[in-house]
Amino acid sequence: MPGMSVAAAVETIWAGHRAGRHHPAELQGRLSMREAYEVQLGLLDRYVGAGDRHAGWKVGLTAKAMQEQQRVHEPVFGFLLASGQRPSGSVFEFDALIRPGFENELCLTMGRTLAGPGVTLADARAAIAEVAPALEIVERRGDFTADLHLALADNAQQKAFVTGAVRPLGPLDLATVMVEVLVNGAAQERAPGSAVLDTPVASIAWLANKLAELDRRLEAGMRVMSGSFTRQYGLARGDRVEARFDPVGPVTAEFR
């Protein structure tokens, strides 16, 4: 990042967030992948320092449908803030969102800490305590495909996450969970958990190992959004969206 430090980039994005601006022109095309994640983590530290709480992480671009839609062929991560968590049935103010969309995911709660590198699928599976149906509410700030690294620095489109009833993971095979997506009561598509890196458990293993590259770990009690089973959907004012995860349960949100 010639001429600008990671700390300066964090300050630029943080000041923009506080003023309602995103994807600053002075950072476009200037961040490496490593720098993008370092800036994102610096931004997380700013939010926590301002009084928010780090609730967990999101893993993105895990399904082939999402990778093809965004023209990116590896997973990515972002952070979740406690201020962004909403219960199923929440109503969002449409005008307060920036080009909003949603993704249908499982929200997994960690029962133990995972520290990479070398975290396996078996390790990840053993560390998951609970599962809940979830929607990720995204804001399509800037151009994700044109400048992936800046999008990651700006927290990978994350805005909020909506969760339904939590249940113990138990013996449930997450690869066999099936979601049906509905918009305004009309069925859109169905997809299995195996669409997410063959199993959403793989999102946990990938995340723990990726965080280790940045000297972080996946802490017990954190919630992790698995990545969408299907493509990302845009939203319009008045939409009511629902994702029915069999056998986990349903989750809904409205936009007015």
C-alpha atoms as a PDB file:
ATOM      1  CA  MET A   1       0.000   0.000   0.000  1.00  0.00           C
ATOM      2  CA  PRO A   2       2.422   2.676  -1.205  1.00  0.00           C
ATOM      3  CA  GLY A   3       2.193   5.931   0.695  1.00  0.00           C
ATOM      4  CA  MET A   4      -0.339   4.786   3.296  1.00  0.00           C
ATOM      5  CA  SER A   5       0.017   2.543   6.342  1.00  0.00           C
ATOM      6  CA  VAL A   6      -2.539  -0.002   7.536  1.00  0.00           C
ATOM      7  CA  ALA A   7      -3.212   2.266  10.527  1.00  0.00           C
ATOM      8  CA  ALA A   8      -3.945   5.195   8.202  1.00  0.00           C
ATOM      9  CA  ALA A   9      -6.260   3.017   6.104  1.00  0.00           C
ATOM     10  CA  VAL A  10      -8.136   1.955   9.247  1.00  0.00           C
ATOM     11  CA  GLU A  11      -8.575   5.601  10.211  1.00  0.00           C
ATOM     12  CA  THR A  12      -9.828   6.473   6.717  1.00  0.00           C
ATOM     13  CA  ILE A  13     -12.460   3.717   6.705  1.00  0.00           C
ATOM     14  CA  TRP A  14     -13.441   4.329  10.343  1.00  0.00           C
ATOM     15  CA  ALA A  15     -13.985   8.043   9.705  1.00  0.00           C
ATOM     16  CA  GLY A  16     -16.040   7.155   6.658  1.00  0.00           C
ATOM     17  CA  HIS A  17     -18.221   4.747   8.623  1.00  0.00           C
ATOM     18  CA  ARG A  18     -18.913   7.386  11.241  1.00  0.00           C
ATOM     19  CA  ALA A  19     -19.993   9.763   8.476  1.00  0.00           C
ATOM     20  CA  GLY A  20     -21.990   7.181   6.507  1.00  0.00           C
ATOM     21  CA  ARG A  21     -19.432   6.890   3.679  1.00  0.00           C
ATOM     22  CA  HIS A  22     -17.893   3.680   2.368  1.00  0.00           C
ATOM     23  CA  HIS A  23     -15.242   2.482  -0.087  1.00  0.00           C
ATOM     24  CA  PRO A  24     -13.053   5.610  -0.021  1.00  0.00           C
ATOM     25  CA  ALA A  25     -11.585   6.442  -3.396  1.00  0.00           C
ATOM     26  CA  GLU A  26      -8.086   6.866  -1.980  1.00  0.00           C
ATOM     27  CA  LEU A  27      -7.979   3.158  -1.054  1.00  0.00           C
ATOM     28  CA  GLN A  28      -9.437   1.715  -4.242  1.00  0.00           C
ATOM     29  CA  GLY A  29      -7.092  -0.782  -5.871  1.00  0.00           C
ATOM     30  CA  ARG A  30      -4.393  -0.237  -3.261  1.00  0.00           C
ATOM     31  CA  LEU A  31      -4.835  -3.053  -0.713  1.00  0.00           C
ATOM     32  CA  SER A  32      -3.346  -6.532  -0.828  1.00  0.00           C
ATOM     33  CA  MET A  33      -5.444  -9.386   0.600  1.00  0.00           C
ATOM     34  CA  ARG A  34      -3.312  -9.441   3.758  1.00  0.00           C
ATOM     35  CA  GLU A  35      -3.610  -5.667   4.194  1.00  0.00           C
ATOM     36  CA  ALA A  36      -7.365  -5.869   3.636  1.00  0.00           C
ATOM     37  CA  TYR A  37      -7.760  -8.300   6.530  1.00  0.00           C
ATOM     38  CA  GLU A  38      -5.414  -6.267   8.739  1.00  0.00           C
ATOM     39  CA  VAL A  39      -7.497  -3.156   8.051  1.00  0.00           C
ATOM     40  CA  GLN A  40     -10.717  -5.079   8.753  1.00  0.00           C
ATOM     41  CA  LEU A  41      -9.375  -6.279  12.117  1.00  0.00           C
ATOM     42  CA  GLY A  42      -8.267  -2.747  12.934  1.00  0.00           C
ATOM     43  CA  LEU A  43     -11.797  -1.583  12.180  1.00  0.00           C
ATOM     44  CA  LEU A  44     -13.155  -4.282  14.503  1.00  0.00           C
ATOM     45  CA  ASP A  45     -10.894  -2.983  17.265  1.00  0.00           C
ATOM     46  CA  ARG A  46     -12.263   0.525  16.692  1.00  0.00           C
ATOM     47  CA  TYR A  47     -15.873  -0.665  17.075  1.00  0.00           C
ATOM     48  CA  VAL A  48     -15.047  -2.580  20.249  1.00  0.00           C
ATOM     49  CA  GLY A  49     -13.163   0.421  21.602  1.00  0.00           C
ATOM     50  CA  ALA A  50     -16.250   2.554  20.941  1.00  0.00           C
ATOM     51  CA  GLY A  51     -18.386   0.262  23.114  1.00  0.00           C
ATOM     52  CA  ASP A  52     -19.685  -2.457  20.788  1.00  0.00           C
ATOM     53  CA  ARG A  53     -18.993  -6.155  21.414  1.00  0.00           C
ATOM     54  CA  HIS A  54     -17.345  -8.649  19.099  1.00  0.00           C
ATOM     55  CA  ALA A  55     -20.015 -11.352  18.694  1.00  0.00           C
ATOM     56  CA  GLY A  56     -18.207 -13.598  16.210  1.00  0.00           C
ATOM     57  CA  TRP A  57     -17.461 -13.985  12.523  1.00  0.00           C
ATOM     58  CA  LYS A  58     -19.032 -14.501   9.126  1.00  0.00           C
ATOM     59  CA  VAL A  59     -17.601 -16.760   6.466  1.00  0.00           C
ATOM     60  CA  GLY A  60     -18.512 -15.782   2.922  1.00  0.00           C
ATOM     61  CA  LEU A  61     -18.283 -17.134  -0.595  1.00  0.00           C
ATOM     62  CA  THR A  62     -18.555 -20.743   0.537  1.00  0.00           C
ATOM     63  CA  ALA A  63     -21.159 -21.973  -1.966  1.00  0.00           C
ATOM     64  CA  LYS A  64     -20.456 -22.383  -5.665  1.00  0.00           C
ATOM     65  CA  ALA A  65     -23.538 -20.264  -6.417  1.00  0.00           C
ATOM     66  CA  MET A  66     -22.073 -17.388  -4.401  1.00  0.00           C
ATOM     67  CA  GLN A  67     -18.586 -17.772  -5.877  1.00  0.00           C
ATOM     68  CA  GLU A  68     -20.001 -17.691  -9.401  1.00  0.00           C
ATOM     69  CA  GLN A  69     -22.232 -14.719  -8.612  1.00  0.00           C
ATOM     70  CA  GLN A  70     -19.374 -12.681  -7.116  1.00  0.00           C
ATOM     71  CA  ARG A  71     -16.649 -14.094  -9.415  1.00  0.00           C
ATOM     72  CA  VAL A  72     -14.463 -15.021  -6.434  1.00  0.00           C
ATOM     73  CA  HIS A  73     -13.371 -18.598  -5.876  1.00  0.00           C
ATOM     74  CA  GLU A  74     -12.180 -18.802  -2.293  1.00  0.00           C
ATOM     75  CA  PRO A  75     -13.879 -18.161   1.065  1.00  0.00           C
ATOM     76  CA  VAL A  76     -13.513 -14.844   2.890  1.00  0.00           C
ATOM     77  CA  PHE A  77     -14.348 -13.662   6.405  1.00  0.00           C
ATOM     78  CA  GLY A  78     -15.754 -10.660   8.209  1.00  0.00           C
ATOM     79  CA  PHE A  79     -16.689  -9.849  11.797  1.00  0.00           C
ATOM     80  CA  LEU A  80     -20.045  -9.807  13.589  1.00  0.00           C
ATOM     81  CA  LEU A  81     -20.924  -7.141  16.136  1.00  0.00           C
ATOM     82  CA  ALA A  82     -23.435  -7.570  18.953  1.00  0.00           C
ATOM     83  CA  SER A  83     -25.182  -4.419  17.723  1.00  0.00           C
ATOM     84  CA  GLY A  84     -25.941  -6.234  14.464  1.00  0.00           C
ATOM     85  CA  GLN A  85     -27.709  -9.239  15.987  1.00  0.00           C
ATOM     86  CA  ARG A  86     -31.482  -9.408  15.528  1.00  0.00           C
ATOM     87  CA  PRO A  87     -34.097 -12.039  16.441  1.00  0.00           C
ATOM     88  CA  SER A  88     -36.238 -13.767  13.834  1.00  0.00           C
ATOM     89  CA  GLY A  89     -39.201 -11.601  12.839  1.00  0.00           C
ATOM     90  CA  SER A  90     -37.235  -8.346  13.040  1.00  0.00           C
ATOM     91  CA  VAL A  91     -38.331  -5.424  10.902  1.00  0.00           C
ATOM     92  CA  PHE A  92     -35.628  -3.314   9.247  1.00  0.00           C
ATOM     93  CA  GLU A  93     -35.980   0.281   8.095  1.00  0.00           C
ATOM     94  CA  PHE A  94     -35.288  -0.026   4.379  1.00  0.00           C
ATOM     95  CA  ASP A  95     -34.088   3.555   3.943  1.00  0.00           C
ATOM     96  CA  ALA A  96     -31.436   3.033   6.642  1.00  0.00           C
ATOM     97  CA  LEU A  97     -29.726   0.329   4.537  1.00  0.00           C
ATOM     98  CA  ILE A  98     -27.327   0.697   1.601  1.00  0.00           C
ATOM     99  CA  ARG A  99     -28.418  -1.406  -1.407  1.00  0.00           C
ATOM    100  CA  PRO A 100     -29.425  -4.234   0.936  1.00  0.00           C
ATOM    101  CA  GLY A 101     -29.550  -7.926   0.261  1.00  0.00           C
ATOM    102  CA  PHE A 102     -29.748 -11.164   2.215  1.00  0.00           C
ATOM    103  CA  GLU A 103     -28.152 -14.583   2.382  1.00  0.00           C
ATOM    104  CA  ASN A 104     -29.463 -17.745   4.050  1.00  0.00           C
ATOM    105  CA  GLU A 105     -27.041 -19.429   6.445  1.00  0.00           C
ATOM    106  CA  LEU A 106     -26.616 -21.426   9.608  1.00  0.00           C
ATOM    107  CA  CYS A 107     -25.358 -19.600  12.673  1.00  0.00           C
ATOM    108  CA  LEU A 108     -23.044 -21.881  14.654  1.00  0.00           C
ATOM    109  CA  THR A 109     -22.097 -21.254  18.291  1.00  0.00           C
ATOM    110  CA  MET A 110     -18.673 -22.376  19.415  1.00  0.00           C
ATOM    111  CA  GLY A 111     -18.532 -24.547  22.518  1.00  0.00           C
ATOM    112  CA  ARG A 112     -14.743 -24.434  22.716  1.00  0.00           C
ATOM    113  CA  THR A 113     -11.898 -22.337  21.381  1.00  0.00           C
ATOM    114  CA  LEU A 114     -10.223 -23.347  18.126  1.00  0.00           C
ATOM    115  CA  ALA A 115      -6.716 -22.125  17.341  1.00  0.00           C
ATOM    116  CA  GLY A 116      -5.096 -22.905  14.011  1.00  0.00           C
ATOM    117  CA  PRO A 117      -3.152 -23.824  12.061  1.00  0.00           C
ATOM    118  CA  GLY A 118      -3.986 -27.460  11.477  1.00  0.00           C
ATOM    119  CA  VAL A 119      -7.648 -27.427  12.572  1.00  0.00           C
ATOM    120  CA  THR A 120      -9.386 -30.414  10.965  1.00  0.00           C
ATOM    121  CA  LEU A 121     -13.028 -31.089  10.132  1.00  0.00           C
ATOM    122  CA  ALA A 122     -13.180 -33.395  13.141  1.00  0.00           C
ATOM    123  CA  ASP A 123     -11.767 -30.655  15.385  1.00  0.00           C
ATOM    124  CA  ALA A 124     -14.280 -28.163  14.036  1.00  0.00           C
ATOM    125  CA  ARG A 125     -17.229 -30.499  14.418  1.00  0.00           C
ATOM    126  CA  ALA A 126     -16.308 -31.263  18.029  1.00  0.00           C
ATOM    127  CA  ALA A 127     -16.069 -27.543  18.831  1.00  0.00           C
ATOM    128  CA  ILE A 128     -19.582 -26.595  17.625  1.00  0.00           C
ATOM    129  CA  ALA A 129     -22.124 -26.517  20.454  1.00  0.00           C
ATOM    130  CA  GLU A 130     -25.287 -25.076  18.892  1.00  0.00           C
ATOM    131  CA  VAL A 131     -26.895 -24.271  15.572  1.00  0.00           C
ATOM    132  CA  ALA A 132     -29.598 -21.786  14.569  1.00  0.00           C
ATOM    133  CA  PRO A 133     -31.303 -20.816  11.308  1.00  0.00           C
ATOM    134  CA  ALA A 134     -30.069 -17.430  10.162  1.00  0.00           C
ATOM    135  CA  LEU A 135     -30.199 -14.657   7.577  1.00  0.00           C
ATOM    136  CA  GLU A 136     -27.254 -12.396   6.918  1.00  0.00           C
ATOM    137  CA  ILE A 137     -28.317  -8.888   5.989  1.00  0.00           C
ATOM    138  CA  VAL A 138     -25.723  -7.413   3.674  1.00  0.00           C
ATOM    139  CA  GLU A 139     -25.128  -3.961   2.256  1.00  0.00           C
ATOM    140  CA  ARG A 140     -23.681  -3.904  -1.238  1.00  0.00           C
ATOM    141  CA  ARG A 141     -21.361  -1.011  -0.521  1.00  0.00           C
ATOM    142  CA  GLY A 142     -19.091  -0.251  -3.468  1.00  0.00           C
ATOM    143  CA  ASP A 143     -18.321  -2.923  -6.073  1.00  0.00           C
ATOM    144  CA  PHE A 144     -17.484  -6.253  -4.429  1.00  0.00           C
ATOM    145  CA  THR A 145     -16.213  -7.910  -7.590  1.00  0.00           C
ATOM    146  CA  ALA A 146     -14.262  -4.888  -8.876  1.00  0.00           C
ATOM    147  CA  ASP A 147     -12.299  -4.384  -5.634  1.00  0.00           C
ATOM    148  CA  LEU A 148     -12.601  -7.463  -3.428  1.00  0.00           C
ATOM    149  CA  HIS A 149      -9.822  -6.351  -1.098  1.00  0.00           C
ATOM    150  CA  LEU A 150     -11.425  -3.018  -0.285  1.00  0.00           C
ATOM    151  CA  ALA A 151     -14.749  -4.807   0.244  1.00  0.00           C
ATOM    152  CA  LEU A 152     -13.054  -7.108   2.756  1.00  0.00           C
ATOM    153  CA  ALA A 153     -11.467  -4.165   4.538  1.00  0.00           C
ATOM    154  CA  ASP A 154     -14.986  -2.696   4.768  1.00  0.00           C
ATOM    155  CA  ASN A 155     -16.131  -5.935   6.491  1.00  0.00           C
ATOM    156  CA  ALA A 156     -17.276  -7.967   3.500  1.00  0.00           C
ATOM    157  CA  GLN A 157     -20.724  -6.363   3.108  1.00  0.00           C
ATOM    158  CA  GLN A 158     -21.769  -7.313   6.678  1.00  0.00           C
ATOM    159  CA  LYS A 159     -24.581  -5.254   8.220  1.00  0.00           C
ATOM    160  CA  ALA A 160     -26.645  -7.508  10.515  1.00  0.00           C
ATOM    161  CA  PHE A 161     -27.522 -11.113  11.230  1.00  0.00           C
ATOM    162  CA  VAL A 162     -30.954 -12.481  12.100  1.00  0.00           C
ATOM    163  CA  THR A 163     -31.222 -15.729  14.023  1.00  0.00           C
ATOM    164  CA  GLY A 164     -34.043 -18.108  14.830  1.00  0.00           C
ATOM    165  CA  ALA A 165     -34.340 -20.618  17.660  1.00  0.00           C
ATOM    166  CA  VAL A 166     -31.064 -22.168  18.822  1.00  0.00           C
ATOM    167  CA  ARG A 167     -30.767 -25.945  19.213  1.00  0.00           C
ATOM    168  CA  PRO A 168     -27.904 -28.196  20.294  1.00  0.00           C
ATOM    169  CA  LEU A 169     -25.922 -29.558  17.374  1.00  0.00           C
ATOM    170  CA  GLY A 170     -26.122 -33.113  18.688  1.00  0.00           C
ATOM    171  CA  PRO A 171     -25.731 -35.772  15.984  1.00  0.00           C
ATOM    172  CA  LEU A 172     -27.104 -33.548  13.199  1.00  0.00           C
ATOM    173  CA  ASP A 173     -25.157 -33.798   9.930  1.00  0.00           C
ATOM    174  CA  LEU A 174     -25.024 -30.191   8.722  1.00  0.00           C
ATOM    175  CA  ALA A 175     -24.356 -31.302   5.138  1.00  0.00           C
ATOM    176  CA  THR A 176     -27.867 -32.790   5.011  1.00  0.00           C
ATOM    177  CA  VAL A 177     -29.701 -29.684   6.244  1.00  0.00           C
ATOM    178  CA  MET A 178     -31.959 -28.372   3.463  1.00  0.00           C
ATOM    179  CA  VAL A 179     -33.018 -24.738   3.112  1.00  0.00           C
ATOM    180  CA  GLU A 180     -36.027 -23.398   1.240  1.00  0.00           C
ATOM    181  CA  VAL A 181     -35.868 -19.673   0.470  1.00  0.00           C
ATOM    182  CA  LEU A 182     -39.076 -17.629   0.244  1.00  0.00           C
ATOM    183  CA  VAL A 183     -39.572 -13.968  -0.675  1.00  0.00           C
ATOM    184  CA  ASN A 184     -43.022 -12.513   0.022  1.00  0.00           C
ATOM    185  CA  GLY A 185     -44.350 -16.034   0.439  1.00  0.00           C
ATOM    186  CA  ALA A 186     -43.121 -17.221  -2.966  1.00  0.00           C
ATOM    187  CA  ALA A 187     -40.639 -20.091  -3.005  1.00  0.00           C
ATOM    188  CA  GLN A 188     -37.369 -19.159  -4.731  1.00  0.00           C
ATOM    189  CA  GLU A 189     -35.038 -22.163  -4.465  1.00  0.00           C
ATOM    190  CA  ARG A 190     -33.814 -25.002  -2.281  1.00  0.00           C
ATOM    191  CA  ALA A 191     -30.255 -26.023  -1.443  1.00  0.00           C
ATOM    192  CA  PRO A 192     -28.494 -28.466   0.894  1.00  0.00           C
ATOM    193  CA  GLY A 193     -25.821 -27.776   3.493  1.00  0.00           C
ATOM    194  CA  SER A 194     -23.418 -29.707   1.291  1.00  0.00           C
ATOM    195  CA  ALA A 195     -23.414 -26.630  -0.995  1.00  0.00           C
ATOM    196  CA  VAL A 196     -21.307 -24.902   1.680  1.00  0.00           C
ATOM    197  CA  LEU A 197     -17.792 -26.294   1.164  1.00  0.00           C
ATOM    198  CA  ASP A 198     -19.376 -29.807   1.234  1.00  0.00           C
ATOM    199  CA  THR A 199     -20.450 -29.127   4.842  1.00  0.00           C
ATOM    200  CA  PRO A 200     -20.843 -25.963   6.957  1.00  0.00           C
ATOM    201  CA  VAL A 201     -18.410 -27.573   9.407  1.00  0.00           C
ATOM    202  CA  ALA A 202     -15.709 -26.841   6.828  1.00  0.00           C
ATOM    203  CA  SER A 203     -16.409 -23.115   7.237  1.00  0.00           C
ATOM    204  CA  ILE A 204     -15.402 -23.407  10.885  1.00  0.00           C
ATOM    205  CA  ALA A 205     -12.171 -25.256  10.091  1.00  0.00           C
ATOM    206  CA  TRP A 206     -11.292 -22.800   7.315  1.00  0.00           C
ATOM    207  CA  LEU A 207     -11.984 -19.804   9.553  1.00  0.00           C
ATOM    208  CA  ALA A 208      -9.907 -21.075  12.489  1.00  0.00           C
ATOM    209  CA  ASN A 209      -6.961 -21.731  10.205  1.00  0.00           C
ATOM    210  CA  LYS A 210      -7.312 -18.399   8.387  1.00  0.00           C
ATOM    211  CA  LEU A 211      -7.518 -16.441  11.644  1.00  0.00           C
ATOM    212  CA  ALA A 212      -4.288 -18.099  12.772  1.00  0.00           C
ATOM    213  CA  GLU A 213      -2.507 -16.432   9.851  1.00  0.00           C
ATOM    214  CA  LEU A 214      -3.476 -13.115  11.461  1.00  0.00           C
ATOM    215  CA  ASP A 215      -2.620 -14.138  15.029  1.00  0.00           C
ATOM    216  CA  ARG A 216      -6.257 -14.541  16.053  1.00  0.00           C
ATOM    217  CA  ARG A 217      -8.282 -17.543  17.167  1.00  0.00           C
ATOM    218  CA  LEU A 218     -11.912 -18.620  17.154  1.00  0.00           C
ATOM    219  CA  GLU A 219     -13.034 -18.151  20.743  1.00  0.00           C
ATOM    220  CA  ALA A 220     -15.532 -20.259  22.673  1.00  0.00           C
ATOM    221  CA  GLY A 221     -18.963 -18.622  22.780  1.00  0.00           C
ATOM    222  CA  MET A 222     -18.556 -16.827  19.469  1.00  0.00           C
ATOM    223  CA  ARG A 223     -21.159 -17.210  16.750  1.00  0.00           C
ATOM    224  CA  VAL A 224     -20.146 -17.967  13.188  1.00  0.00           C
ATOM    225  CA  MET A 225     -22.287 -17.450  10.110  1.00  0.00           C
ATOM    226  CA  SER A 226     -21.536 -20.434   7.883  1.00  0.00           C
ATOM    227  CA  GLY A 227     -21.842 -18.794   4.470  1.00  0.00           C
ATOM    228  CA  SER A 228     -24.916 -18.829   2.258  1.00  0.00           C
ATOM    229  CA  PHE A 229     -26.410 -22.056   0.928  1.00  0.00           C
ATOM    230  CA  THR A 230     -27.557 -20.194  -2.208  1.00  0.00           C
ATOM    231  CA  ARG A 231     -26.853 -17.050  -4.189  1.00  0.00           C
ATOM    232  CA  GLN A 232     -27.290 -13.625  -2.628  1.00  0.00           C
ATOM    233  CA  TYR A 233     -30.708 -11.967  -3.050  1.00  0.00           C
ATOM    234  CA  GLY A 234     -31.422  -8.265  -3.411  1.00  0.00           C
ATOM    235  CA  LEU A 235     -34.114  -6.622  -1.314  1.00  0.00           C
ATOM    236  CA  ALA A 236     -36.879  -4.149  -2.062  1.00  0.00           C
ATOM    237  CA  ARG A 237     -38.989  -2.055   0.257  1.00  0.00           C
ATOM    238  CA  GLY A 238     -41.850  -4.135   1.617  1.00  0.00           C
ATOM    239  CA  ASP A 239     -40.125  -7.492   1.233  1.00  0.00           C
ATOM    240  CA  ARG A 240     -40.649 -10.263   3.751  1.00  0.00           C
ATOM    241  CA  VAL A 241     -38.036 -12.989   3.522  1.00  0.00           C
ATOM    242  CA  GLU A 242     -37.947 -16.430   5.084  1.00  0.00           C
ATOM    243  CA  ALA A 243     -35.484 -19.286   5.127  1.00  0.00           C
ATOM    244  CA  ARG A 244     -36.800 -22.652   6.286  1.00  0.00           C
ATOM    245  CA  PHE A 245     -33.969 -24.946   7.337  1.00  0.00           C
ATOM    246  CA  ASP A 246     -35.069 -28.569   7.644  1.00  0.00           C
ATOM    247  CA  PRO A 247     -34.700 -29.841  10.375  1.00  0.00           C
ATOM    248  CA  VAL A 248     -33.187 -26.788  12.139  1.00  0.00           C
ATOM    249  CA  GLY A 249     -36.125 -24.367  11.820  1.00  0.00           C
ATOM    250  CA  PRO A 250     -37.265 -21.118  10.158  1.00  0.00           C
ATOM    251  CA  VAL A 251     -36.039 -17.529  10.306  1.00  0.00           C
ATOM    252  CA  THR A 252     -37.757 -14.405   8.940  1.00  0.00           C
ATOM    253  CA  ALA A 253     -37.153 -10.681   8.446  1.00  0.00           C
ATOM    254  CA  GLU A 254     -39.095  -7.763   6.976  1.00  0.00           C
ATOM    255  CA  PHE A 255     -38.001  -4.542   5.287  1.00  0.00           C
ATOM    256  CA  ARG A 256     -40.295  -1.478   5.417  1.00  0.00           C
END
